[in-house]
Amino acid sequence: IREFQTTRLNSTAGAGIASVLSTEAAILNPASNAFFSGSSFSYQSYSTSLRHENNQRDATDDDFPSRNRSQGIFISDQDGPVKGGIAYIKQDENDYLREQVISHIAGNISEATA
């Protein structure tokens, strides 16, 4: 199973990993939450599918999955002195199922450090 990628990471081909993003804080670096205010909620889902266009694929005894799906729910609250949230990620890829519950918190040490 591949690592879960948010919509932002998919759209920037991974370059968004260097950005300070609220949703991505749950799975990359929770310290960035310390620099946001307000609250956020996000549901993200993506899927891939394979069309069996090659007859040789049917000749092998490999039961290759025709559809993969990943989804995540992200909830964050950044209003108090300690900021954080919770995320639920479910992935069904290549006949494997992975579920993750992630909690994250962050607080400022100084004006520019968390």
N, C-alpha and C. Protein backbone atom coordinates (compact mmCIF):
# COMPACT_ATOMS: atom_id res chain seq x y z
N ILE A 1 0.85 -1.18 0.00
CA ILE A 1 0.00 0.00 0.00
C ILE A 1 0.89 1.24 0.00
N ARG A 2 0.56 2.16 -0.89
CA ARG A 2 1.30 3.42 -0.95
C ARG A 2 0.93 4.31 0.23
N GLU A 3 1.80 5.26 0.53
CA GLU A 3 1.47 6.24 1.56
C GLU A 3 0.31 7.10 1.08
N PHE A 4 -0.58 7.47 1.99
CA PHE A 4 -1.72 8.30 1.63
C PHE A 4 -1.23 9.67 1.20
N GLN A 5 -1.76 10.15 0.10
CA GLN A 5 -1.43 11.49 -0.38
C GLN A 5 -2.71 12.30 -0.47
N THR A 6 -2.68 13.48 0.11
CA THR A 6 -3.84 14.36 0.04
C THR A 6 -3.99 14.89 -1.38
N THR A 7 -5.12 15.51 -1.63
CA THR A 7 -5.37 16.10 -2.95
C THR A 7 -4.30 17.11 -3.31
N ARG A 8 -3.87 17.89 -2.35
CA ARG A 8 -2.84 18.90 -2.61
C ARG A 8 -1.51 18.25 -3.00
N LEU A 9 -1.12 17.19 -2.31
CA LEU A 9 0.12 16.50 -2.65
C LEU A 9 0.04 15.85 -4.03
N ASN A 10 -1.12 15.28 -4.36
CA ASN A 10 -1.29 14.69 -5.69
C ASN A 10 -1.22 15.75 -6.78
N SER A 11 -1.84 16.90 -6.56
CA SER A 11 -1.88 17.93 -7.61
C SER A 11 -0.53 18.60 -7.82
N THR A 12 0.34 18.57 -6.82
CA THR A 12 1.66 19.19 -6.97
C THR A 12 2.75 18.14 -7.20
N ALA A 13 2.35 16.93 -7.49
CA ALA A 13 3.27 15.82 -7.75
C ALA A 13 4.27 15.63 -6.61
N GLY A 14 3.81 15.84 -5.38
CA GLY A 14 4.67 15.64 -4.22
C GLY A 14 5.41 16.88 -3.78
N ALA A 15 5.43 17.93 -4.60
CA ALA A 15 6.17 19.14 -4.24
C ALA A 15 5.53 19.86 -3.05
N GLY A 16 4.26 19.62 -2.80
CA GLY A 16 3.56 20.25 -1.68
C GLY A 16 4.06 19.78 -0.33
N ILE A 17 4.90 18.75 -0.31
CA ILE A 17 5.43 18.23 0.94
C ILE A 17 6.27 19.29 1.67
N ALA A 18 6.79 20.27 0.93
CA ALA A 18 7.60 21.33 1.53
C ALA A 18 6.74 22.51 1.97
N SER A 19 5.44 22.47 1.71
CA SER A 19 4.55 23.57 2.07
C SER A 19 4.06 23.42 3.51
N VAL A 20 3.65 24.51 4.08
CA VAL A 20 3.04 24.49 5.41
C VAL A 20 1.53 24.45 5.17
N LEU A 21 0.93 23.28 5.35
CA LEU A 21 -0.47 23.07 5.03
C LEU A 21 -1.20 22.48 6.23
N SER A 22 -2.42 22.92 6.43
CA SER A 22 -3.19 22.49 7.59
C SER A 22 -3.57 21.01 7.52
N THR A 23 -4.15 20.58 6.43
CA THR A 23 -4.58 19.19 6.32
C THR A 23 -3.41 18.23 6.34
N GLU A 24 -2.34 18.58 5.65
CA GLU A 24 -1.19 17.71 5.55
C GLU A 24 -0.42 17.59 6.87
N ALA A 25 -0.68 18.50 7.81
CA ALA A 25 -0.02 18.45 9.11
C ALA A 25 -0.28 17.12 9.82
N ALA A 26 -1.45 16.54 9.59
CA ALA A 26 -1.79 15.28 10.25
C ALA A 26 -0.88 14.13 9.83
N ILE A 27 -0.44 14.13 8.58
CA ILE A 27 0.34 12.99 8.10
C ILE A 27 1.81 13.31 7.83
N LEU A 28 2.17 14.60 7.82
CA LEU A 28 3.56 14.95 7.53
C LEU A 28 4.29 15.52 8.73
N ASN A 29 3.85 16.69 9.20
CA ASN A 29 4.54 17.38 10.29
C ASN A 29 3.53 18.20 11.09
N PRO A 30 3.12 17.74 12.26
CA PRO A 30 2.09 18.45 13.03
C PRO A 30 2.52 19.83 13.52
N ALA A 31 3.80 20.14 13.52
CA ALA A 31 4.26 21.44 14.01
C ALA A 31 3.68 22.60 13.20
N SER A 32 3.39 22.37 11.92
CA SER A 32 2.85 23.47 11.10
C SER A 32 1.48 23.92 11.58
N ASN A 33 0.75 23.08 12.31
CA ASN A 33 -0.56 23.49 12.85
C ASN A 33 -0.44 24.67 13.80
N ALA A 34 0.68 24.85 14.44
CA ALA A 34 0.87 25.93 15.41
C ALA A 34 0.78 27.31 14.77
N PHE A 35 0.92 27.39 13.45
CA PHE A 35 0.92 28.68 12.76
C PHE A 35 -0.40 29.02 12.09
N PHE A 36 -1.43 28.19 12.29
CA PHE A 36 -2.75 28.44 11.72
C PHE A 36 -3.71 28.90 12.80
N SER A 37 -4.79 29.54 12.39
CA SER A 37 -5.88 29.88 13.31
C SER A 37 -7.19 29.42 12.68
N GLY A 38 -8.18 29.19 13.50
CA GLY A 38 -9.46 28.71 13.00
C GLY A 38 -9.54 27.20 13.06
N SER A 39 -10.55 26.67 12.40
CA SER A 39 -10.77 25.24 12.37
C SER A 39 -10.92 24.79 10.92
N SER A 40 -10.71 23.50 10.70
CA SER A 40 -10.87 22.99 9.34
C SER A 40 -11.40 21.58 9.36
N PHE A 41 -12.12 21.24 8.31
CA PHE A 41 -12.64 19.89 8.10
C PHE A 41 -12.43 19.56 6.63
N SER A 42 -11.94 18.37 6.34
CA SER A 42 -11.68 17.99 4.96
C SER A 42 -11.95 16.50 4.77
N TYR A 43 -12.62 16.18 3.68
CA TYR A 43 -12.78 14.79 3.26
C TYR A 43 -12.14 14.67 1.89
N GLN A 44 -11.25 13.71 1.73
CA GLN A 44 -10.57 13.54 0.47
C GLN A 44 -10.59 12.07 0.07
N SER A 45 -10.82 11.84 -1.21
CA SER A 45 -10.92 10.48 -1.72
C SER A 45 -10.31 10.43 -3.11
N TYR A 46 -9.62 9.35 -3.38
CA TYR A 46 -9.16 9.12 -4.75
C TYR A 46 -9.17 7.63 -5.04
N SER A 47 -9.30 7.31 -6.31
CA SER A 47 -9.32 5.91 -6.70
C SER A 47 -8.56 5.75 -8.02
N THR A 48 -8.11 4.55 -8.23
CA THR A 48 -7.46 4.20 -9.48
C THR A 48 -8.15 2.96 -10.01
N SER A 49 -8.13 2.81 -11.31
CA SER A 49 -8.74 1.62 -11.90
C SER A 49 -7.87 1.14 -13.05
N LEU A 50 -8.02 -0.12 -13.35
CA LEU A 50 -7.26 -0.76 -14.41
C LEU A 50 -8.24 -1.42 -15.37
N ARG A 51 -8.08 -1.11 -16.63
CA ARG A 51 -8.90 -1.76 -17.65
C ARG A 51 -8.12 -2.95 -18.20
N HIS A 52 -8.77 -4.06 -18.30
CA HIS A 52 -8.12 -5.28 -18.81
C HIS A 52 -8.13 -5.24 -20.33
N GLU A 53 -7.18 -4.52 -20.90
CA GLU A 53 -7.12 -4.37 -22.35
C GLU A 53 -6.20 -5.39 -23.00
N ASN A 54 -5.37 -6.04 -22.24
CA ASN A 54 -4.40 -6.97 -22.78
C ASN A 54 -4.84 -8.40 -22.44
N ASN A 55 -4.99 -9.22 -23.48
CA ASN A 55 -5.42 -10.61 -23.26
C ASN A 55 -4.38 -11.43 -22.51
N GLN A 56 -3.12 -11.06 -22.57
CA GLN A 56 -2.08 -11.80 -21.85
C GLN A 56 -2.28 -11.69 -20.33
N ARG A 57 -2.88 -10.61 -19.88
CA ARG A 57 -3.15 -10.45 -18.45
C ARG A 57 -4.11 -11.54 -17.97
N ASP A 58 -5.07 -11.90 -18.80
CA ASP A 58 -6.03 -12.94 -18.43
C ASP A 58 -5.40 -14.33 -18.43
N ALA A 59 -4.32 -14.52 -19.19
CA ALA A 59 -3.66 -15.83 -19.27
C ALA A 59 -2.88 -16.17 -18.01
N THR A 60 -2.43 -15.15 -17.29
CA THR A 60 -1.69 -15.42 -16.06
C THR A 60 -2.67 -15.70 -14.93
N ASP A 61 -2.21 -16.38 -13.92
CA ASP A 61 -3.05 -16.68 -12.77
C ASP A 61 -2.98 -15.59 -11.71
N ASP A 62 -2.58 -14.40 -12.11
CA ASP A 62 -2.45 -13.28 -11.18
C ASP A 62 -3.80 -12.57 -11.05
N ASP A 63 -4.33 -12.57 -9.87
CA ASP A 63 -5.61 -11.90 -9.62
C ASP A 63 -5.36 -10.43 -9.30
N PHE A 64 -5.07 -9.66 -10.31
CA PHE A 64 -4.73 -8.24 -10.14
C PHE A 64 -6.01 -7.45 -9.87
N PRO A 65 -6.02 -6.62 -8.84
CA PRO A 65 -7.23 -5.87 -8.54
C PRO A 65 -7.51 -4.83 -9.62
N SER A 66 -8.78 -4.66 -9.93
CA SER A 66 -9.14 -3.71 -10.98
C SER A 66 -9.43 -2.32 -10.43
N ARG A 67 -9.52 -2.17 -9.12
CA ARG A 67 -9.85 -0.87 -8.54
C ARG A 67 -9.20 -0.72 -7.17
N ASN A 68 -8.60 0.44 -6.93
CA ASN A 68 -8.03 0.79 -5.63
C ASN A 68 -8.71 2.06 -5.15
N ARG A 69 -8.89 2.19 -3.84
CA ARG A 69 -9.54 3.38 -3.30
C ARG A 69 -8.89 3.79 -1.99
N SER A 70 -8.67 5.09 -1.84
CA SER A 70 -8.14 5.65 -0.60
C SER A 70 -9.00 6.85 -0.22
N GLN A 71 -9.23 7.01 1.08
CA GLN A 71 -10.02 8.15 1.54
C GLN A 71 -9.56 8.57 2.93
N GLY A 72 -9.74 9.85 3.21
CA GLY A 72 -9.32 10.39 4.51
C GLY A 72 -10.24 11.49 4.98
N ILE A 73 -10.44 11.55 6.28
CA ILE A 73 -11.21 12.62 6.93
C ILE A 73 -10.26 13.31 7.89
N PHE A 74 -10.18 14.63 7.77
CA PHE A 74 -9.25 15.43 8.58
C PHE A 74 -10.03 16.51 9.32
N ILE A 75 -9.87 16.57 10.63
CA ILE A 75 -10.52 17.59 11.45
C ILE A 75 -9.44 18.24 12.30
N SER A 76 -9.36 19.57 12.24
CA SER A 76 -8.35 20.31 13.01
C SER A 76 -8.97 21.50 13.70
N ASP A 77 -8.46 21.82 14.89
CA ASP A 77 -8.85 23.02 15.63
C ASP A 77 -7.58 23.77 16.01
N GLN A 78 -7.46 24.99 15.50
CA GLN A 78 -6.25 25.77 15.74
C GLN A 78 -6.56 27.08 16.48
N ASP A 79 -7.55 27.06 17.37
CA ASP A 79 -7.93 28.30 18.06
C ASP A 79 -7.25 28.51 19.41
N GLY A 80 -6.85 27.48 20.09
CA GLY A 80 -6.26 27.62 21.41
C GLY A 80 -4.75 27.70 21.38
N PRO A 81 -4.12 27.72 22.55
CA PRO A 81 -2.66 27.75 22.60
C PRO A 81 -2.02 26.44 22.14
N VAL A 82 -2.71 25.32 22.33
CA VAL A 82 -2.28 24.04 21.81
C VAL A 82 -3.23 23.68 20.69
N LYS A 83 -2.69 23.46 19.50
CA LYS A 83 -3.51 23.25 18.32
C LYS A 83 -3.31 21.84 17.81
N GLY A 84 -4.33 21.29 17.19
CA GLY A 84 -4.19 19.93 16.69
C GLY A 84 -5.46 19.42 16.08
N GLY A 85 -5.51 18.11 15.94
CA GLY A 85 -6.68 17.51 15.33
C GLY A 85 -6.58 16.00 15.28
N ILE A 86 -7.48 15.45 14.49
CA ILE A 86 -7.54 14.00 14.33
C ILE A 86 -7.82 13.70 12.86
N ALA A 87 -7.32 12.58 12.41
CA ALA A 87 -7.54 12.15 11.02
C ALA A 87 -7.84 10.66 11.00
N TYR A 88 -8.69 10.29 10.08
CA TYR A 88 -9.00 8.88 9.83
C TYR A 88 -8.72 8.60 8.36
N ILE A 89 -7.87 7.62 8.09
CA ILE A 89 -7.50 7.29 6.72
C ILE A 89 -7.79 5.81 6.49
N LYS A 90 -8.47 5.52 5.37
CA LYS A 90 -8.77 4.14 5.00
C LYS A 90 -8.30 3.93 3.57
N GLN A 91 -7.52 2.86 3.38
CA GLN A 91 -6.98 2.55 2.06
C GLN A 91 -7.27 1.09 1.72
N ASP A 92 -7.78 0.88 0.54
CA ASP A 92 -8.04 -0.46 0.02
C ASP A 92 -7.31 -0.54 -1.32
N GLU A 93 -6.09 -1.08 -1.28
CA GLU A 93 -5.24 -1.11 -2.47
C GLU A 93 -4.60 -2.49 -2.62
N ASN A 94 -4.65 -3.00 -3.84
CA ASN A 94 -3.98 -4.26 -4.19
C ASN A 94 -4.34 -5.39 -3.23
N ASP A 95 -5.61 -5.48 -2.92
CA ASP A 95 -6.16 -6.52 -2.03
C ASP A 95 -5.65 -6.42 -0.60
N TYR A 96 -5.14 -5.26 -0.20
CA TYR A 96 -4.75 -5.01 1.19
C TYR A 96 -5.61 -3.87 1.72
N LEU A 97 -5.95 -3.95 2.98
CA LEU A 97 -6.75 -2.91 3.62
C LEU A 97 -5.95 -2.33 4.78
N ARG A 98 -5.86 -0.99 4.83
CA ARG A 98 -5.17 -0.34 5.95
C ARG A 98 -6.06 0.79 6.44
N GLU A 99 -6.23 0.85 7.77
CA GLU A 99 -6.96 1.92 8.41
C GLU A 99 -6.03 2.57 9.43
N GLN A 100 -6.03 3.89 9.46
CA GLN A 100 -5.20 4.63 10.41
C GLN A 100 -6.04 5.70 11.10
N VAL A 101 -5.81 5.85 12.38
CA VAL A 101 -6.36 6.98 13.13
C VAL A 101 -5.16 7.74 13.66
N ILE A 102 -5.09 9.01 13.31
CA ILE A 102 -3.94 9.83 13.65
C ILE A 102 -4.40 11.03 14.47
N SER A 103 -3.79 11.23 15.62
CA SER A 103 -4.04 12.45 16.39
C SER A 103 -2.73 13.25 16.41
N HIS A 104 -2.88 14.55 16.36
CA HIS A 104 -1.68 15.39 16.34
C HIS A 104 -1.95 16.69 17.09
N ILE A 105 -0.89 17.17 17.77
CA ILE A 105 -0.97 18.44 18.49
C ILE A 105 0.32 19.21 18.27
N ALA A 106 0.22 20.51 18.42
CA ALA A 106 1.40 21.37 18.27
C ALA A 106 1.16 22.66 19.06
N GLY A 107 2.24 23.26 19.48
CA GLY A 107 2.17 24.54 20.18
C GLY A 107 3.40 25.36 19.87
N ASN A 108 3.26 26.66 19.99
CA ASN A 108 4.38 27.55 19.71
C ASN A 108 5.36 27.58 20.88
N ILE A 109 6.65 27.48 20.56
CA ILE A 109 7.71 27.67 21.54
C ILE A 109 8.10 29.14 21.55
N SER A 110 8.14 29.73 20.37
CA SER A 110 8.36 31.16 20.20
C SER A 110 7.51 31.61 19.02
N GLU A 111 7.66 32.86 18.59
CA GLU A 111 6.82 33.39 17.52
C GLU A 111 7.02 32.62 16.20
N ALA A 112 8.22 32.14 15.95
CA ALA A 112 8.53 31.47 14.68
C ALA A 112 8.92 30.01 14.86
N THR A 113 8.73 29.43 16.04
CA THR A 113 9.13 28.06 16.30
C THR A 113 8.00 27.28 16.95
N ALA A 114 7.81 26.04 16.48
CA ALA A 114 6.77 25.19 17.07
C ALA A 114 7.37 23.85 17.45
